[in-house]
Amino acid sequence: MYSKEEIINAIKICLNEEEKRIIESRFGICMEVPLTIKEVCGRFNITNKELRSIEQKVIYHLRKNN
């Protein structure tokens, strides 16, 4: 399992600004309650597939650097 600090660092390194906002919203990094997949997709006008792709970028970066 990765620490919150490692995840935030990966987000800063491998995502653009919009992708950062998407992931922060999805996992509640900058808010108390994380949004659901449906809420994130609606708010940012993206598909579930696009959201998964952004999540995979972060996961790939974490695995590659550990």
Protein backbone atom coordinates (compact mmCIF):
# COMPACT_ATOMS: atom_id res chain seq x y z
CA MET A 1 0.00 0.00 0.00
CA TYR A 2 1.22 3.49 -0.77
CA SER A 3 1.30 6.41 1.63
CA LYS A 4 -0.82 9.48 1.01
CA GLU A 5 2.41 11.43 0.48
CA GLU A 6 3.60 9.00 -2.23
CA ILE A 7 0.26 9.22 -4.02
CA ILE A 8 0.19 13.02 -3.91
CA ASN A 9 3.77 13.14 -5.20
CA ALA A 10 2.89 10.81 -8.10
CA ILE A 11 -0.11 12.97 -8.95
CA LYS A 12 2.07 16.10 -9.06
CA ILE A 13 4.67 14.45 -11.28
CA CYS A 14 2.66 12.55 -13.86
CA LEU A 15 -0.61 14.46 -14.35
CA ASN A 16 -1.52 17.75 -15.96
CA GLU A 17 -3.58 20.31 -14.03
CA GLU A 18 -6.99 19.06 -15.18
CA GLU A 19 -6.07 15.45 -14.46
CA LYS A 20 -4.89 16.49 -10.99
CA ARG A 21 -8.25 18.13 -10.24
CA ILE A 22 -10.05 15.02 -11.48
CA ILE A 23 -8.07 12.65 -9.24
CA GLU A 24 -8.24 15.01 -6.27
CA SER A 25 -12.03 15.12 -6.64
CA ARG A 26 -12.35 11.37 -7.08
CA PHE A 27 -10.36 10.48 -3.98
CA GLY A 28 -11.19 13.47 -1.77
CA ILE A 29 -7.62 14.71 -1.58
CA CYS A 30 -8.61 18.40 -1.39
CA MET A 31 -12.11 17.90 -0.04
CA GLU A 32 -13.74 16.04 2.82
CA VAL A 33 -15.82 13.63 0.77
CA PRO A 34 -14.62 11.98 -2.44
CA LEU A 35 -16.92 12.16 -5.43
CA THR A 36 -18.37 9.05 -7.02
CA ILE A 37 -17.20 7.95 -10.46
CA LYS A 38 -20.49 9.21 -11.90
CA GLU A 39 -20.11 12.60 -10.17
CA VAL A 40 -16.53 13.04 -11.38
CA CYS A 41 -17.41 12.08 -14.95
CA GLY A 42 -20.35 14.49 -14.94
CA ARG A 43 -18.43 17.37 -13.38
CA PHE A 44 -15.46 17.08 -15.73
CA ASN A 45 -17.37 15.85 -18.78
CA ILE A 46 -15.28 12.70 -19.18
CA THR A 47 -16.12 9.03 -19.66
CA ASN A 48 -15.53 6.22 -17.18
CA LYS A 49 -12.81 4.97 -19.51
CA GLU A 50 -11.03 8.33 -19.45
CA LEU A 51 -11.19 8.40 -15.65
CA ARG A 52 -9.72 4.89 -15.44
CA SER A 53 -6.93 5.94 -17.80
CA ILE A 54 -5.99 8.85 -15.55
CA GLU A 55 -6.07 6.59 -12.48
CA GLN A 56 -3.83 4.10 -14.31
CA LYS A 57 -1.22 6.82 -14.99
CA VAL A 58 -0.85 7.37 -11.25
CA ILE A 59 -0.77 3.64 -10.47
CA TYR A 60 1.84 3.03 -13.20
CA HIS A 61 4.03 5.82 -11.83
CA LEU A 62 3.79 4.46 -8.28
CA ARG A 63 4.69 0.93 -9.34
CA LYS A 64 7.52 2.08 -11.59
CA ASN A 65 9.15 4.13 -8.85
CA ASN A 66 8.91 1.64 -5.98
